[in-house]
Amino acid sequence: MNGVITVVWLISVVVGGLASCGIGCLLIFIPMITGAACILDIMAVSKVNAPSAGVGSFLNFAAIADIVAGAVGFSLVPLVMGILSMVFLQKPEVQRYFA
């Protein structure tokens, strides 16, 4: 979902930048943050199947990045998914799996 949000924000920033003679390009940090969260999500999915010592902390970092991307990008889905990920990662059985 962050990939779609990144593309939409990138198009909006380019169109807004052209319409406002470059002032709209000041919002370029929004698609950069959502794009970084998208890359972190892809990396987290690839690491989940092979649990090791550092995977749990990386998943926490990816969940925090989703929360930040949802708040900065004004999108509800990554925000909710990041919060739910943080809640599920705090369960004892999940922590034992990644220990």
C-alpha atoms as a PDB file:
ATOM      1  CA  MET A   1       0.000   0.000   0.000  1.00  0.00           C
ATOM      2  CA  ASN A   2       2.891   2.363   0.676  1.00  0.00           C
ATOM      3  CA  GLY A   3       3.989   1.940  -2.958  1.00  0.00           C
ATOM      4  CA  VAL A   4       0.645   3.217  -4.233  1.00  0.00           C
ATOM      5  CA  ILE A   5       0.695   6.098  -1.779  1.00  0.00           C
ATOM      6  CA  THR A   6       4.247   6.954  -2.857  1.00  0.00           C
ATOM      7  CA  VAL A   7       3.274   7.089  -6.538  1.00  0.00           C
ATOM      8  CA  VAL A   8       0.190   9.198  -5.809  1.00  0.00           C
ATOM      9  CA  TRP A   9       2.191  11.656  -3.689  1.00  0.00           C
ATOM     10  CA  LEU A  10       4.958  11.824  -6.285  1.00  0.00           C
ATOM     11  CA  ILE A  11       2.483  12.692  -9.027  1.00  0.00           C
ATOM     12  CA  SER A  12       0.787  15.227  -6.742  1.00  0.00           C
ATOM     13  CA  VAL A  13       4.101  16.888  -5.881  1.00  0.00           C
ATOM     14  CA  VAL A  14       5.126  17.136  -9.540  1.00  0.00           C
ATOM     15  CA  VAL A  15       1.750  18.523 -10.630  1.00  0.00           C
ATOM     16  CA  GLY A  16       1.614  20.854  -7.615  1.00  0.00           C
ATOM     17  CA  GLY A  17       5.161  21.985  -8.303  1.00  0.00           C
ATOM     18  CA  LEU A  18       4.332  22.799 -11.894  1.00  0.00           C
ATOM     19  CA  ALA A  19       1.104  24.552 -10.939  1.00  0.00           C
ATOM     20  CA  SER A  20       2.740  26.649  -8.230  1.00  0.00           C
ATOM     21  CA  CYS A  21       5.953  27.477 -10.086  1.00  0.00           C
ATOM     22  CA  GLY A  22       8.034  25.170  -7.891  1.00  0.00           C
ATOM     23  CA  ILE A  23       6.643  25.907  -4.450  1.00  0.00           C
ATOM     24  CA  GLY A  24       4.741  22.591  -4.383  1.00  0.00           C
ATOM     25  CA  CYS A  25       8.037  20.744  -4.812  1.00  0.00           C
ATOM     26  CA  LEU A  26       8.812  21.571  -1.185  1.00  0.00           C
ATOM     27  CA  LEU A  27       6.576  18.614  -0.296  1.00  0.00           C
ATOM     28  CA  ILE A  28       8.974  16.129  -1.905  1.00  0.00           C
ATOM     29  CA  PHE A  29       9.810  14.714   1.544  1.00  0.00           C
ATOM     30  CA  ILE A  30       6.372  13.029   1.727  1.00  0.00           C
ATOM     31  CA  PRO A  31       6.905  10.560  -1.153  1.00  0.00           C
ATOM     32  CA  MET A  32      10.462  10.015   0.058  1.00  0.00           C
ATOM     33  CA  ILE A  33       9.258   8.928   3.510  1.00  0.00           C
ATOM     34  CA  THR A  34       6.462   6.724   2.165  1.00  0.00           C
ATOM     35  CA  GLY A  35       8.862   5.194  -0.369  1.00  0.00           C
ATOM     36  CA  ALA A  36      11.370   4.376   2.364  1.00  0.00           C
ATOM     37  CA  ALA A  37       8.594   2.728   4.390  1.00  0.00           C
ATOM     38  CA  CYS A  38       7.621   0.722   1.304  1.00  0.00           C
ATOM     39  CA  ILE A  39      11.192  -0.552   0.910  1.00  0.00           C
ATOM     40  CA  LEU A  40      11.335  -1.424   4.617  1.00  0.00           C
ATOM     41  CA  ASP A  41       8.076  -3.368   4.279  1.00  0.00           C
ATOM     42  CA  ILE A  42       9.461  -5.378   1.369  1.00  0.00           C
ATOM     43  CA  MET A  43      12.612  -6.141   3.348  1.00  0.00           C
ATOM     44  CA  ALA A  44      10.541  -7.111   6.409  1.00  0.00           C
ATOM     45  CA  VAL A  45       8.460  -9.583   4.405  1.00  0.00           C
ATOM     46  CA  SER A  46      11.591 -11.235   3.089  1.00  0.00           C
ATOM     47  CA  LYS A  47      13.090 -11.529   6.586  1.00  0.00           C
ATOM     48  CA  VAL A  48      10.019 -12.882   8.391  1.00  0.00           C
ATOM     49  CA  ASN A  49      10.370 -16.432   7.063  1.00  0.00           C
ATOM     50  CA  ALA A  50      13.905 -16.855   8.425  1.00  0.00           C
ATOM     51  CA  PRO A  51      13.804 -15.691  12.041  1.00  0.00           C
ATOM     52  CA  SER A  52      17.063 -14.689  13.629  1.00  0.00           C
ATOM     53  CA  ALA A  53      18.149 -12.493  16.511  1.00  0.00           C
ATOM     54  CA  GLY A  54      17.798  -9.138  14.734  1.00  0.00           C
ATOM     55  CA  VAL A  55      14.564  -9.752  12.838  1.00  0.00           C
ATOM     56  CA  GLY A  56      12.260  -8.783  15.701  1.00  0.00           C
ATOM     57  CA  SER A  57      13.875  -5.383  16.152  1.00  0.00           C
ATOM     58  CA  PHE A  58      13.876  -4.808  12.387  1.00  0.00           C
ATOM     59  CA  LEU A  59      10.145  -5.581  12.266  1.00  0.00           C
ATOM     60  CA  ASN A  60       9.587  -3.074  15.081  1.00  0.00           C
ATOM     61  CA  PHE A  61      11.530  -0.484  13.078  1.00  0.00           C
ATOM     62  CA  ALA A  62       9.459  -1.246   9.953  1.00  0.00           C
ATOM     63  CA  ALA A  63       6.238  -0.904  11.967  1.00  0.00           C
ATOM     64  CA  ILE A  64       7.369   2.474  13.320  1.00  0.00           C
ATOM     65  CA  ALA A  65       8.251   3.540   9.768  1.00  0.00           C
ATOM     66  CA  ASP A  66       4.716   2.584   8.681  1.00  0.00           C
ATOM     67  CA  ILE A  67       3.234   4.687  11.474  1.00  0.00           C
ATOM     68  CA  VAL A  68       5.386   7.671  10.501  1.00  0.00           C
ATOM     69  CA  ALA A  69       4.597   7.225   6.795  1.00  0.00           C
ATOM     70  CA  GLY A  70       0.888   7.034   7.558  1.00  0.00           C
ATOM     71  CA  ALA A  71       1.008  10.164   9.674  1.00  0.00           C
ATOM     72  CA  VAL A  72       3.167  12.154   7.245  1.00  0.00           C
ATOM     73  CA  GLY A  73       1.411  10.900   4.117  1.00  0.00           C
ATOM     74  CA  PHE A  74      -2.082  11.411   5.573  1.00  0.00           C
ATOM     75  CA  SER A  75      -2.997   7.795   4.821  1.00  0.00           C
ATOM     76  CA  LEU A  76      -4.983   5.668   7.188  1.00  0.00           C
ATOM     77  CA  VAL A  77      -4.032   2.162   6.004  1.00  0.00           C
ATOM     78  CA  PRO A  78      -0.269   2.295   6.753  1.00  0.00           C
ATOM     79  CA  LEU A  79      -0.992   4.044  10.034  1.00  0.00           C
ATOM     80  CA  VAL A  80      -3.388   1.317  11.178  1.00  0.00           C
ATOM     81  CA  MET A  81      -1.148  -1.473   9.864  1.00  0.00           C
ATOM     82  CA  GLY A  82       1.850  -0.041  11.705  1.00  0.00           C
ATOM     83  CA  ILE A  83      -0.089   0.169  14.957  1.00  0.00           C
ATOM     84  CA  LEU A  84      -1.416  -3.375  14.546  1.00  0.00           C
ATOM     85  CA  SER A  85       2.078  -4.636  13.756  1.00  0.00           C
ATOM     86  CA  MET A  86       3.415  -3.067  16.937  1.00  0.00           C
ATOM     87  CA  VAL A  87       0.602  -4.660  18.956  1.00  0.00           C
ATOM     88  CA  PHE A  88       1.166  -8.126  17.477  1.00  0.00           C
ATOM     89  CA  LEU A  89       4.940  -7.903  17.844  1.00  0.00           C
ATOM     90  CA  GLN A  90       4.505  -7.374  21.600  1.00  0.00           C
ATOM     91  CA  LYS A  91       2.757 -10.732  22.107  1.00  0.00           C
ATOM     92  CA  PRO A  92       4.892 -13.266  23.996  1.00  0.00           C
ATOM     93  CA  GLU A  93       4.516 -16.056  21.423  1.00  0.00           C
ATOM     94  CA  VAL A  94       5.637 -13.736  18.626  1.00  0.00           C
ATOM     95  CA  GLN A  95       8.613 -12.579  20.688  1.00  0.00           C
ATOM     96  CA  ARG A  96       9.546 -16.210  21.382  1.00  0.00           C
ATOM     97  CA  TYR A  97       9.374 -16.946  17.636  1.00  0.00           C
ATOM     98  CA  PHE A  98      11.878 -14.189  16.842  1.00  0.00           C
ATOM     99  CA  ALA A  99      14.130 -14.845  19.862  1.00  0.00           C
END
